[in-house]
Structures are given as structure tokens and as C-alpha cells.
């Protein structure tokens, strides 16, 4: 049960939690800034075992979906580990998906029980039908309100290949797909993070992303389980309090998304010298980080940003830049660590370095498949284990991958493929641009035209004409946006990733 950077973890999450509790019982593993509380490994294991036993006593069978509808916090962490410890399938519900999507996830997953925060009961009631409702257990400040006499049963026996996690994709192009991970692939997700970033028991991760998203769950929850470190679990991101929380709780690294990096860069707050020196790195994932934003952040704060790339289907990380003093290639999410990555053509044949194709990944962190969706599983997973990411990119001679676009997001103007990222990068070159995203709009002349949405720094005098000239200077007229929309804030998913495919509807 010891972390080995060269070998994926063995066993189950229960095995790893038992190991931590038996060998490092009093070591703090989770800090909760909102209530000032903590959990050590013994408390976490005992709390998880109690929840697992209560679920078993209620007759919930092995592998059944235990749905969790909770924001980050003590109950969410205990509920997650309780479901995993008991041999159930932890089914993480996206709290910002809307009642219809939540109802679909609960129905499609055949959730036997829902563990729900008091703050989310109204949302749950809107999402569920009036009949055929699963068992509902509410969690408040004093913990879970279990029905009955509270008797506990025995957790179900299970192995590394059994279901551990069910998490639904965003569903921007149709019904959400339920991504299935085993104990083995979920642990491997924490392992790739730990190996890439050299995590140790002395590290403390600042967790501001929701753990009902794969990034927050695998990177900052599974990572410390595998490495023996700790997580500072914040209910949500706050630009005004971020550096203060890093100082108060002695964070040594953080995992965020590009929009958060941009908001921190443009905010007034800054870390004190001791915090600046203690934080080894910041980790960026979920979407491409603009070169100008990364460079400006590092120049202002003196904290290196390690760009990475991951998917729900791969338990988060597939690529990472090395830590300093290793070679970080700005503009690239890095190299494969703990898995294989290849660039393939439409016939799934590997392409040579420098050639654009689809980014594919194979390794221990790849999903089992999509729940009850064999066609989608077959389309995504090849017989020899390669997962098709849907992202376009190229790989250089040193193994660094450069993402050039997303197959579903390519703008095809007059027969020419335009990667939205090119336009994003041009817009982010101006220091007043906090958020930017290019997207396609159907048009009669070219089939599709280029448009973009932009959020500016408060008080900025920058105009649409200024932004248009910036793009034309960098990209030429053909690739530049035909229309630019100024917005207070761009739509984002649970991780903070801009939802590019929604913009055409929002600005039409």
C-alpha cells in the first residue's frame, strides 16, 4: 500500500484507507475552512466504515449506485469514501447541471439511495418524480440523518476491478453519458497526479474545484489518498479569500482551471512572501491555458504553473508538464506520465511527430466504459484499449503534446478548419481580457463564421473595435471574429471550464 511513482496502486480504495488509518491514524488528511474542522485518517476510515455499514444494513446491494448531492465539505468527503468503502458505486451528481439533467442521472444510474445536503433538498425534489423515488438521506451540520435504529451491517466484499465511481459528462451535445470507473482506475487517477507532481505526505492541496467533477475528485482527493498528503477542501472558489486560505492552512500546491488563474491574475489580492515561498506549484487543467495568462501569472506571483490535461474518462490526468526545473513547454499540457498517449489518424493509425490527428490514450486510469451505452463505449474505446479523446493535437520529438482543437468545436469556415484556441489566444493577449472563447455561427456564405465572447476587467475602456483590431493583427482577417460579444461572465461548467458550445445559443 505504499506509493510507488513507477507502478500503479494495487488493491481497492478500502485497502488504501485502511492502510492510512492503521499506519498514520492521527495525521490530518482533510481540512474544512468553512467550519474550521479537520479529519485525520482514523476518523475518515471510521466514518466511511460507519456509512458503508449503514448502507449495507438498509439492503443496498453491492455495486448499486449511491448518489451524492453535496457541495464540497465534511459530509461530501465522508459520503464519497463511505460509498467506496462499502463496495457501492459512488454516483456524483453535478449540482449546477439543472433539475432535468440531475433527474436523468438519478434515473439512468438507477440510484438506490441519495445522500443529499440540506441546501440541495429543493433541487432534488424538483429533479425527482413524485413516484418511484429512491431512499433519501439528508446531511446537515450534525452529519447524516439515517432512518431506522442506526444498526450497521458489513461492507460488501469487492475487488480492484469492481465499479467504484459513476460520473456523468456535461452532455453539451446530447444526453449525458455515465462514465464508469473501477477502484483500480480511480486509484490510478490519483497515482498519475502524485507521480507527475512528486506529491509526498508533507504536501497540502488547495481544493477549490467541486469533487463532483473528475478534476476535483481525482486530483485533490484521490491524489492525497495515494501519496499520503492532505487536502484543504473549500466549499467553493473565492478570488478574494484564495491566498488568505493558502496562508492559513499552509497549502503547498493548488489545482485550478484557466478561468481561475485569470481571475487571480486580475484580482487585487496576492500571497504573502511565506505563502509564495511555500507553494511549490499551481496546476492548471480542464481547458487550454493561454500563454499570455500563464506568463503574466508567473511573473506577478512567482509561482510556477504546471499545465496538464485530463478527461472524465481517464480519471483526470493524462498529460503533465514536469515540475521546475524540468522543461515546461508553455502552450503544451505536457507529456504522458503513467499512461501512453499517441496521435492517430481517422483509421486509428499512429501518426509521426509534428502531424495533427486525434489524441488517444491508453493506461490503467482509463474508464471501464459508459453505463448502459455499448455503442458509445465501442466508439470511444478500441479493442486494444485506446481511448479516443475527441481532441486534436500533435506531438513533438520530445513527447510533448500540443492541443490544436476539439473535433466537435472546430470552426469550418469556407472549407478551412479554424481552431477556436487560436482566436482565444489572440484575445487573451490583451491584459484587460479575463475570459474569452471563440465559437461557430452558421452562415449562408461560408457555412460557418467565427464569433467570440469576451469578459473584460471591470473598468476597462477596451472596445469591440479594439478587440477586432487585435485579432486581425495577429490572425489576419479571415480567421478573426466576424462578431465579438461583450459579456459580464461566460458560461462555465462545474469545474470552471468555459462552455463554448453554449455561446451560440446565448448570443443568438
Protein backbone atom coordinates (compact mmCIF):
# COMPACT_ATOMS: atom_id res chain seq x y z
CA UNK A 1 0.00 0.00 0.00
CA UNK A 2 2.92 2.36 -0.37
CA UNK A 3 3.08 4.95 -3.11
CA UNK A 4 5.42 3.91 -5.92
CA UNK A 5 5.81 6.54 -8.70
CA UNK A 6 6.72 3.77 -11.14
CA UNK A 7 3.80 1.39 -10.50
CA UNK A 8 0.02 1.92 -10.39
CA UNK A 9 -1.59 1.31 -6.98
CA UNK A 10 -2.88 -2.15 -6.17
CA UNK A 11 -5.97 -3.06 -4.18
CA UNK A 12 -9.13 -1.06 -3.54
CA UNK A 13 -9.88 2.31 -2.02
CA UNK A 14 -10.92 0.46 1.15
CA UNK A 15 -7.47 -1.15 1.26
CA UNK A 16 -5.74 2.21 0.96
CA UNK A 17 -7.96 3.87 3.54
CA UNK A 18 -7.40 1.02 5.99
CA UNK A 19 -3.66 1.28 5.41
CA UNK A 20 -3.61 5.02 6.12
CA UNK A 21 -5.78 4.63 9.22
CA UNK A 22 -3.66 1.81 10.64
CA UNK A 23 -0.29 3.41 9.97
CA UNK A 24 -0.93 7.17 10.11
CA UNK A 25 -4.03 7.34 12.30
CA UNK A 26 -3.54 10.85 13.71
CA UNK A 27 -2.20 12.54 10.60
CA UNK A 28 -4.60 15.20 9.29
CA UNK A 29 -5.89 14.29 5.83
CA UNK A 30 -8.68 16.84 5.25
CA UNK A 31 -9.19 20.42 6.38
CA UNK A 32 -12.52 22.21 6.01
CA UNK A 33 -12.07 26.02 6.12
CA UNK A 34 -15.79 26.80 6.27
CA UNK A 35 -16.29 25.22 9.71
CA UNK A 36 -12.67 25.06 10.84
CA UNK A 37 -12.86 21.29 11.24
CA UNK A 38 -10.48 18.54 10.20
CA UNK A 39 -10.38 14.79 9.65
CA UNK A 40 -7.44 12.53 10.36
CA UNK A 41 -7.01 9.19 8.63
CA UNK A 42 -8.51 7.24 11.52
CA UNK A 43 -11.58 9.50 11.68
CA UNK A 44 -12.05 9.29 7.92
CA UNK A 45 -11.77 5.50 7.84
CA UNK A 46 -14.10 5.05 10.82
CA UNK A 47 -16.64 7.49 9.39
CA UNK A 48 -16.52 5.80 5.98
CA UNK A 49 -16.90 2.35 7.55
CA UNK A 50 -19.93 3.54 9.54
CA UNK A 51 -21.64 4.91 6.41
CA UNK A 52 -20.79 1.75 4.48
CA UNK A 53 -22.27 -0.39 7.24
CA UNK A 54 -25.46 1.67 7.42
CA UNK A 55 -25.94 1.42 3.66
CA UNK A 56 -25.44 -2.35 3.79
CA UNK A 57 -27.91 -2.66 6.68
CA UNK A 58 -30.52 -0.85 4.56
CA UNK A 59 -30.24 -3.63 1.99
CA UNK A 60 -28.36 -1.66 -0.66
CA UNK A 61 -26.68 -4.36 -2.80
CA UNK A 62 -23.04 -4.43 -3.85
CA UNK A 63 -22.32 -2.18 -6.84
CA UNK A 64 -25.59 -0.24 -6.57
CA UNK A 65 -25.47 3.48 -7.24
CA UNK A 66 -25.25 5.61 -4.12
CA UNK A 67 -25.89 9.13 -5.39
CA UNK A 68 -24.25 12.11 -3.67
CA UNK A 69 -25.73 15.61 -4.00
CA UNK A 70 -23.50 17.72 -1.82
CA UNK A 71 -21.17 20.69 -2.15
CA UNK A 72 -17.59 20.31 -1.02
CA UNK A 73 -17.27 19.74 2.72
CA UNK A 74 -17.06 17.15 5.51
CA UNK A 75 -20.27 15.33 4.59
CA UNK A 76 -19.29 15.12 0.91
CA UNK A 77 -15.88 13.62 1.72
CA UNK A 78 -17.33 11.15 4.24
CA UNK A 79 -20.19 10.21 1.91
CA UNK A 80 -17.84 9.61 -1.02
CA UNK A 81 -15.47 7.42 0.96
CA UNK A 82 -18.38 5.66 2.69
CA UNK A 83 -19.84 4.58 -0.66
CA UNK A 84 -16.42 3.49 -1.92
CA UNK A 85 -15.54 1.68 1.31
CA UNK A 86 -18.78 -0.30 1.21
CA UNK A 87 -18.42 -1.67 -2.31
CA UNK A 88 -21.06 0.64 -3.78
CA UNK A 89 -20.87 2.81 -6.89
CA UNK A 90 -20.41 6.42 -5.80
CA UNK A 91 -22.53 8.43 -8.22
CA UNK A 92 -21.52 12.08 -8.16
CA UNK A 93 -24.31 14.49 -9.10
CA UNK A 94 -23.40 17.79 -10.73
CA UNK A 95 -25.19 20.43 -8.65
CA UNK A 96 -25.19 23.02 -11.43
CA UNK A 97 -26.45 20.74 -14.19
CA UNK A 98 -30.12 21.72 -13.72
CA UNK A 99 -33.08 19.72 -12.44
CA UNK A 100 -33.73 17.90 -15.72
CA UNK A 101 -30.16 16.64 -16.12
CA UNK A 102 -29.99 15.68 -12.43
CA UNK A 103 -33.26 13.77 -12.74
CA UNK A 104 -31.89 11.95 -15.78
CA UNK A 105 -28.68 10.99 -13.95
CA UNK A 106 -30.59 9.68 -10.93
CA UNK A 107 -32.91 7.67 -13.14
CA UNK A 108 -30.26 6.39 -15.56
CA UNK A 109 -27.93 5.35 -12.74
CA UNK A 110 -30.79 3.52 -11.00
CA UNK A 111 -29.73 5.22 -7.78
CA UNK A 112 -30.84 3.14 -4.81
CA UNK A 113 -30.30 6.00 -2.36
CA UNK A 114 -29.45 9.69 -2.47
CA UNK A 115 -27.23 11.31 0.16
CA UNK A 116 -28.18 14.97 -0.10
CA UNK A 117 -27.17 18.16 1.68
CA UNK A 118 -29.97 20.13 3.30
CA UNK A 119 -29.09 23.02 0.98
CA UNK A 120 -29.82 20.81 -2.06
CA UNK A 121 -33.16 19.28 -0.99
CA UNK A 122 -35.25 21.69 -3.04
CA UNK A 123 -33.17 20.95 -6.13
CA UNK A 124 -33.52 17.20 -5.51
CA UNK A 125 -37.28 17.49 -5.12
CA UNK A 126 -37.51 19.36 -8.44
CA UNK A 127 -35.38 16.72 -10.14
CA UNK A 128 -37.18 13.62 -8.88
CA UNK A 129 -40.58 12.34 -9.99
CA UNK A 130 -43.37 12.19 -7.46
CA UNK A 131 -43.36 8.38 -7.57
CA UNK A 132 -40.64 5.73 -7.65
CA UNK A 133 -38.30 7.91 -5.62
CA UNK A 134 -35.12 6.39 -4.17
CA UNK A 135 -34.40 6.44 -0.46
CA UNK A 136 -33.30 9.94 0.59
CA UNK A 137 -30.89 10.59 3.47
CA UNK A 138 -30.29 14.25 4.34
CA UNK A 139 -26.99 15.56 5.66
CA UNK A 140 -26.85 18.61 7.90
CA UNK A 141 -24.30 20.24 10.18
CA UNK A 142 -24.52 17.27 12.57
CA UNK A 143 -24.00 14.65 9.86
CA UNK A 144 -26.40 12.24 8.15
CA UNK A 145 -29.96 11.71 9.35
CA UNK A 146 -30.17 7.94 8.93
CA UNK A 147 -33.55 6.20 9.05
CA UNK A 148 -34.31 3.36 11.45
CA UNK A 149 -32.36 2.29 14.50
CA UNK A 150 -28.96 3.00 13.02
CA UNK A 151 -27.82 -0.61 13.04
CA UNK A 152 -24.80 -1.27 10.83
CA UNK A 153 -24.13 -4.22 8.55
CA UNK A 154 -20.91 -5.48 6.99
CA UNK A 155 -19.45 -3.68 3.95
CA UNK A 156 -19.63 -5.75 0.77
CA UNK A 157 -16.51 -7.59 -0.35
CA UNK A 158 -15.16 -6.18 -3.61
CA UNK A 159 -12.02 -6.06 -5.71
CA UNK A 160 -9.93 -3.63 -7.80
CA UNK A 161 -11.96 -4.32 -10.96
CA UNK A 162 -15.36 -3.62 -9.41
CA UNK A 163 -17.29 -0.40 -10.04
CA UNK A 164 -16.26 2.50 -7.83
CA UNK A 165 -17.37 5.73 -9.49
CA UNK A 166 -20.11 6.84 -11.87
CA UNK A 167 -19.80 10.39 -13.15
CA UNK A 168 -21.83 11.99 -15.92
CA UNK A 169 -20.38 14.05 -18.74
CA UNK A 170 -21.68 17.55 -19.37
CA UNK A 171 -23.98 16.46 -22.18
CA UNK A 172 -23.42 19.58 -24.29
CA UNK A 173 -24.17 17.65 -27.49
CA UNK A 174 -26.87 15.28 -26.22
CA UNK A 175 -27.80 13.22 -23.21
CA UNK A 176 -25.04 13.00 -20.59
CA UNK A 177 -23.04 9.77 -20.66
CA UNK A 178 -22.32 7.91 -17.43
CA UNK A 179 -18.59 7.27 -17.15
CA UNK A 180 -17.74 4.13 -15.14
CA UNK A 181 -14.50 3.82 -13.19
CA UNK A 182 -13.27 0.86 -11.18
CA UNK A 183 -11.32 1.03 -7.93
CA UNK A 184 -8.19 0.36 -9.98
CA UNK A 185 -8.72 3.19 -12.48
CA UNK A 186 -9.83 5.64 -9.78
CA UNK A 187 -6.69 4.96 -7.74
CA UNK A 188 -4.61 5.22 -10.92
CA UNK A 189 -6.07 8.69 -11.45
CA UNK A 190 -4.71 9.77 -8.07
CA UNK A 191 -1.44 8.00 -8.83
CA UNK A 192 -0.74 9.77 -12.14
CA UNK A 193 -1.20 13.10 -10.36
CA UNK A 194 1.06 12.06 -7.47
CA UNK A 195 3.76 10.73 -9.79
CA UNK A 196 3.73 13.74 -12.11
CA UNK A 197 3.92 16.30 -9.30
CA UNK A 198 6.13 14.44 -6.83
CA UNK A 199 3.48 14.56 -4.10
CA UNK A 200 4.52 13.49 -0.61
CA UNK A 201 2.94 13.18 2.86
CA UNK A 202 4.14 16.71 3.58
CA UNK A 203 2.05 18.24 0.80
CA UNK A 204 -1.27 20.03 1.27
CA UNK A 205 -3.51 20.53 -1.76
CA UNK A 206 -5.80 23.54 -2.01
CA UNK A 207 -9.05 22.05 -3.34
CA UNK A 208 -11.43 24.71 -4.70
CA UNK A 209 -12.93 22.67 -7.54
CA UNK A 210 -16.07 20.63 -6.80
CA UNK A 211 -15.43 16.99 -6.02
CA UNK A 212 -18.48 16.07 -8.07
CA UNK A 213 -16.18 16.91 -11.01
CA UNK A 214 -13.41 14.49 -12.02
CA UNK A 215 -10.64 17.08 -11.60
CA UNK A 216 -11.52 17.93 -8.02
CA UNK A 217 -12.22 14.31 -7.08
CA UNK A 218 -9.21 12.54 -8.57
CA UNK A 219 -6.53 15.22 -8.37
CA UNK A 220 -7.13 16.68 -4.90
CA UNK A 221 -8.95 13.80 -3.16
CA UNK A 222 -7.52 10.60 -4.67
CA UNK A 223 -4.07 12.14 -5.09
CA UNK A 224 -3.55 12.68 -1.33
CA UNK A 225 -5.01 9.23 -0.56
CA UNK A 226 -2.30 7.65 -2.71
CA UNK A 227 0.55 9.99 -1.70
CA UNK A 228 -0.37 10.32 1.99
CA UNK A 229 -0.78 14.10 1.87
CA UNK A 230 -3.73 16.28 2.83
CA UNK A 231 -6.42 18.32 1.10
CA UNK A 232 -7.84 21.70 2.10
CA UNK A 233 -11.42 21.23 0.91
CA UNK A 234 -13.12 24.57 0.25
CA UNK A 235 -16.82 24.76 -0.49
CA UNK A 236 -16.13 26.96 -3.50
CA UNK A 237 -13.50 29.19 -5.09
CA UNK A 238 -13.23 32.76 -3.79
CA UNK A 239 -10.79 35.09 -5.55
CA UNK A 240 -10.80 37.41 -2.55
CA UNK A 241 -10.00 34.67 0.01
CA UNK A 242 -7.86 32.28 -2.05
CA UNK A 243 -4.43 33.49 -0.98
CA UNK A 244 -5.55 34.00 2.62
CA UNK A 245 -6.77 30.39 2.80
CA UNK A 246 -3.49 29.19 1.28
CA UNK A 247 -1.69 31.08 4.04
CA UNK A 248 -3.92 30.00 6.94
CA UNK A 249 -3.92 26.31 6.03
CA UNK A 250 -0.35 26.07 4.71
CA UNK A 251 -1.11 24.93 1.18
CA UNK A 252 1.87 23.65 -0.81
CA UNK A 253 0.11 23.35 -4.18
CA UNK A 254 -3.23 24.02 -5.79
CA UNK A 255 -5.28 22.66 -8.67
CA UNK A 256 -7.43 25.09 -10.65
CA UNK A 257 -8.65 25.83 -14.18
CA UNK A 258 -7.60 28.62 -16.56
CA UNK A 259 -10.52 30.90 -15.70
CA UNK A 260 -9.50 30.84 -12.02
CA UNK A 261 -5.89 31.63 -12.93
CA UNK A 262 -7.12 34.60 -14.97
CA UNK A 263 -9.33 35.87 -12.13
CA UNK A 264 -6.45 35.58 -9.62
CA UNK A 265 -4.16 37.39 -12.05
CA UNK A 266 -6.59 40.29 -12.43
CA UNK A 267 -7.52 40.43 -8.72
CA UNK A 268 -6.04 42.75 -6.13
CA UNK A 269 -5.07 40.06 -3.61
CA UNK A 270 -1.62 38.45 -3.59
CA UNK A 271 0.15 35.85 -1.43
CA UNK A 272 2.43 36.98 1.35
CA UNK A 273 6.14 36.12 0.96
CA UNK A 274 5.96 32.99 3.18
CA UNK A 275 2.99 31.58 1.26
CA UNK A 276 4.63 32.42 -2.05
CA UNK A 277 7.74 30.50 -0.97
CA UNK A 278 5.79 27.50 0.42
CA UNK A 279 3.62 26.87 -2.66
CA UNK A 280 5.63 24.58 -4.92
CA UNK A 281 3.37 24.94 -7.96
CA UNK A 282 -0.10 25.58 -9.23
CA UNK A 283 -1.74 23.05 -11.51
CA UNK A 284 -3.94 24.03 -14.45
CA UNK A 285 -6.27 21.64 -16.28
CA UNK A 286 -9.72 21.24 -17.85
CA UNK A 287 -9.03 23.53 -20.84
CA UNK A 288 -6.13 25.22 -22.59
CA UNK A 289 -4.27 27.89 -20.64
CA UNK A 290 -3.45 30.95 -22.70
CA UNK A 291 0.30 31.51 -22.96
CA UNK A 292 -0.02 35.19 -22.06
CA UNK A 293 -2.06 34.44 -18.94
CA UNK A 294 0.40 31.83 -17.70
CA UNK A 295 3.40 34.07 -18.28
CA UNK A 296 1.77 37.05 -16.59
CA UNK A 297 0.67 34.97 -13.58
CA UNK A 298 4.15 33.57 -13.03
CA UNK A 299 5.72 36.99 -13.43
CA UNK A 300 3.35 38.60 -10.93
CA UNK A 301 3.23 35.92 -8.24
CA UNK A 302 6.45 33.97 -8.72
CA UNK A 303 4.58 30.65 -8.54
CA UNK A 304 5.11 28.22 -11.44
CA UNK A 305 2.02 26.93 -13.22
CA UNK A 306 2.15 23.34 -14.44
CA UNK A 307 -0.25 22.89 -17.32
CA UNK A 308 -1.87 19.45 -17.57
CA UNK A 309 -4.67 17.72 -19.44
CA UNK A 310 -7.26 15.19 -18.34
CA UNK A 311 -10.68 13.73 -19.09
CA UNK A 312 -13.56 12.33 -17.08
CA UNK A 313 -12.93 9.09 -18.98
CA UNK A 314 -9.34 8.91 -17.73
CA UNK A 315 -9.89 9.72 -14.04
CA UNK A 316 -8.47 13.15 -14.82
CA UNK A 317 -4.80 13.42 -15.79
CA UNK A 318 -3.28 12.04 -18.99
CA UNK A 319 -0.60 14.67 -19.65
CA UNK A 320 1.53 16.91 -17.47
CA UNK A 321 4.47 19.22 -17.78
CA UNK A 322 7.30 18.41 -15.36
CA UNK A 323 7.87 20.45 -12.24
CA UNK A 324 10.60 23.09 -12.30
CA UNK A 325 13.49 22.83 -13.01
CA UNK A 326 12.25 20.35 -15.62
CA UNK A 327 11.40 21.65 -19.06
CA UNK A 328 7.91 23.15 -19.12
CA UNK A 329 6.77 23.94 -22.62
CA UNK A 330 4.30 26.77 -22.30
CA UNK A 331 1.38 26.18 -24.64
CA UNK A 332 1.58 22.40 -24.16
CA UNK A 333 -0.20 20.34 -21.44
CA UNK A 334 2.93 18.21 -21.29
CA UNK A 335 3.89 14.56 -21.72
CA UNK A 336 2.27 11.28 -20.80
CA UNK A 337 3.05 10.16 -17.24
CA UNK A 338 1.68 6.80 -16.10
CA UNK A 339 -0.03 6.05 -19.41
CA UNK A 340 0.55 6.07 -23.17
CA UNK A 341 -0.52 8.88 -25.49
CA UNK A 342 -0.48 8.74 -29.27
CA UNK A 343 -1.69 10.92 -32.14
CA UNK A 344 -3.81 8.89 -34.54
CA UNK A 345 -5.47 9.40 -37.90
CA UNK A 346 -9.11 8.66 -38.73
CA UNK A 347 -8.22 5.00 -39.22
CA UNK A 348 -6.65 4.89 -35.72
CA UNK A 349 -3.13 4.55 -37.10
CA UNK A 350 -0.33 6.29 -35.16
CA UNK A 351 1.00 9.45 -36.81
CA UNK A 352 4.59 10.71 -36.74
CA UNK A 353 5.71 13.69 -34.63
CA UNK A 354 4.51 17.04 -35.89
CA UNK A 355 1.41 15.64 -37.65
CA UNK A 356 -2.05 16.67 -36.47
CA UNK A 357 -4.54 13.98 -35.52
CA UNK A 358 -6.73 12.77 -32.66
CA UNK A 359 -5.17 12.47 -29.20
CA UNK A 360 -5.62 8.91 -27.90
CA UNK A 361 -4.66 7.48 -24.52
CA UNK A 362 -4.17 4.01 -23.06
CA UNK A 363 -3.36 3.12 -19.47
CA UNK A 364 -4.56 2.00 -16.01
CA UNK A 365 -6.60 5.18 -15.47
CA UNK A 366 -8.89 4.67 -18.47
CA UNK A 367 -12.59 4.09 -17.74
CA UNK A 368 -14.39 0.77 -17.91
CA UNK A 369 -16.92 2.29 -20.33
CA UNK A 370 -20.21 4.20 -20.45
CA UNK A 371 -23.06 2.84 -18.34
CA UNK A 372 -25.68 1.03 -20.44
CA UNK A 373 -24.32 2.57 -23.63
CA UNK A 374 -22.42 -0.07 -25.60
CA UNK A 375 -22.46 1.93 -28.83
CA UNK A 376 -20.81 4.97 -27.23
CA UNK A 377 -18.33 2.70 -25.44
CA UNK A 378 -17.39 0.98 -28.69
CA UNK A 379 -16.98 4.35 -30.43
CA UNK A 380 -14.67 5.64 -27.68
CA UNK A 381 -12.62 2.54 -26.77
CA UNK A 382 -10.72 0.46 -29.30
CA UNK A 383 -10.37 -3.33 -28.84
CA UNK A 384 -6.73 -2.87 -27.81
CA UNK A 385 -7.57 -0.35 -25.08
CA UNK A 386 -7.04 3.05 -26.71
CA UNK A 387 -9.45 5.79 -25.69
CA UNK A 388 -10.31 8.36 -28.36
CA UNK A 389 -10.27 11.75 -26.62
CA UNK A 390 -12.06 13.79 -29.29
CA UNK A 391 -9.25 16.36 -29.07
CA UNK A 392 -6.96 17.27 -31.94
CA UNK A 393 -3.26 17.74 -31.46
CA UNK A 394 0.29 16.96 -32.44
CA UNK A 395 3.25 15.56 -30.55
CA UNK A 396 6.82 16.78 -30.81
CA UNK A 397 10.04 14.79 -30.85
CA UNK A 398 10.37 15.03 -27.04
CA UNK A 399 6.86 13.65 -26.40
CA UNK A 400 5.15 16.96 -25.56
CA UNK A 401 1.60 17.19 -26.88
CA UNK A 402 0.18 20.41 -28.30
CA UNK A 403 -3.62 20.58 -28.40
CA UNK A 404 -4.87 22.28 -31.54
CA UNK A 405 -8.61 22.00 -31.03
CA UNK A 406 -11.58 19.82 -30.30
CA UNK A 407 -13.19 17.81 -33.07
CA UNK A 408 -16.67 18.97 -32.04
CA UNK A 409 -15.58 22.60 -31.63
CA UNK A 410 -13.70 23.16 -34.90
CA UNK A 411 -14.99 26.13 -36.88
CA UNK A 412 -15.19 25.20 -40.57
CA UNK A 413 -15.29 28.48 -42.49
CA UNK A 414 -15.38 28.18 -46.25
CA UNK A 415 -13.93 24.69 -46.01
CA UNK A 416 -10.99 25.78 -43.85
CA UNK A 417 -10.62 24.39 -40.33
CA UNK A 418 -10.11 27.08 -37.69
CA UNK A 419 -9.24 26.07 -34.14
CA UNK A 420 -11.08 28.27 -31.60
CA UNK A 421 -7.99 28.22 -29.41
CA UNK A 422 -6.15 30.40 -31.94
CA UNK A 423 -8.71 33.16 -31.51
CA UNK A 424 -8.80 32.70 -27.72
CA UNK A 425 -5.03 33.15 -27.53
CA UNK A 426 -5.17 36.34 -29.60
CA UNK A 427 -7.84 37.84 -27.34
CA UNK A 428 -6.06 36.85 -24.12
CA UNK A 429 -3.01 38.76 -25.34
CA UNK A 430 -4.65 41.94 -24.05
CA UNK A 431 -4.25 42.29 -20.25
CA UNK A 432 -7.85 43.55 -19.82
CA UNK A 433 -9.35 40.29 -21.14
CA UNK A 434 -10.34 38.00 -18.26
CA UNK A 435 -12.35 35.41 -20.22
CA UNK A 436 -12.53 34.68 -23.94
CA UNK A 437 -13.95 31.95 -26.14
CA UNK A 438 -14.42 31.72 -29.90
CA UNK A 439 -17.26 29.71 -31.42
CA UNK A 440 -19.01 28.95 -34.70
CA UNK A 441 -22.16 30.54 -36.05
CA UNK A 442 -23.91 29.08 -39.10
CA UNK A 443 -23.96 31.41 -42.09
CA UNK A 444 -25.08 31.19 -45.70
CA UNK A 445 -21.87 32.45 -47.29
CA UNK A 446 -19.20 30.33 -45.57
CA UNK A 447 -21.22 27.58 -43.88
CA UNK A 448 -19.89 28.80 -40.53
CA UNK A 449 -18.43 32.11 -39.40
CA UNK A 450 -16.22 32.98 -36.45
CA UNK A 451 -17.66 34.75 -33.41
CA UNK A 452 -16.24 35.30 -29.93
CA UNK A 453 -17.43 36.16 -26.44
CA UNK A 454 -15.28 38.22 -24.11
CA UNK A 455 -15.42 39.30 -20.45
CA UNK A 456 -13.29 42.35 -19.58
CA UNK A 457 -11.65 43.58 -16.41
CA UNK A 458 -14.06 45.89 -14.52
CA UNK A 459 -13.48 49.49 -15.53
CA UNK A 460 -11.72 48.60 -18.78
CA UNK A 461 -12.11 51.09 -21.64
CA UNK A 462 -11.37 48.41 -24.24
CA UNK A 463 -13.90 48.39 -27.11
CA UNK A 464 -15.11 45.75 -29.55
CA UNK A 465 -13.26 47.61 -32.30
CA UNK A 466 -10.03 47.38 -30.26
CA UNK A 467 -10.51 43.62 -29.86
CA UNK A 468 -11.23 43.19 -33.56
CA UNK A 469 -8.00 45.01 -34.49
CA UNK A 470 -6.03 42.89 -32.01
CA UNK A 471 -7.28 39.69 -33.67
CA UNK A 472 -6.71 40.94 -37.21
CA UNK A 473 -3.14 41.98 -36.37
CA UNK A 474 -2.39 38.51 -35.02
CA UNK A 475 -4.54 36.23 -37.18
CA UNK A 476 -5.47 38.06 -40.35
CA UNK A 477 -8.98 38.97 -41.40
CA UNK A 478 -10.21 35.52 -42.43
CA UNK A 479 -9.66 33.85 -39.03
CA UNK A 480 -10.68 36.88 -36.97
CA UNK A 481 -14.15 37.02 -35.38
CA UNK A 482 -16.86 38.50 -37.56
CA UNK A 483 -18.76 39.41 -34.38
CA UNK A 484 -17.49 39.92 -30.82
CA UNK A 485 -19.92 39.83 -27.88
CA UNK A 486 -19.07 41.54 -24.59
CA UNK A 487 -20.44 39.65 -21.60
CA UNK A 488 -20.16 40.12 -17.84
CA UNK A 489 -19.27 36.44 -17.47
CA UNK A 490 -19.01 33.50 -19.84
CA UNK A 491 -20.98 30.30 -19.09
CA UNK A 492 -18.98 27.70 -17.23
CA UNK A 493 -19.34 24.11 -16.12
CA UNK A 494 -18.79 22.80 -12.58
CA UNK A 495 -15.00 22.89 -12.88
CA UNK A 496 -14.94 26.46 -14.19
CA UNK A 497 -14.33 25.41 -17.81
CA UNK A 498 -15.97 27.74 -20.31
CA UNK A 499 -18.84 26.02 -22.11
CA UNK A 500 -18.02 27.09 -25.64
CA UNK A 501 -20.86 25.18 -27.31
CA UNK A 502 -23.49 27.16 -25.34
CA UNK A 503 -22.35 30.54 -26.58
CA UNK A 504 -24.09 30.46 -29.97
CA UNK A 505 -27.46 29.96 -28.28
CA UNK A 506 -26.79 32.58 -25.61
CA UNK A 507 -25.75 35.27 -28.08
CA UNK A 508 -28.17 34.50 -30.92
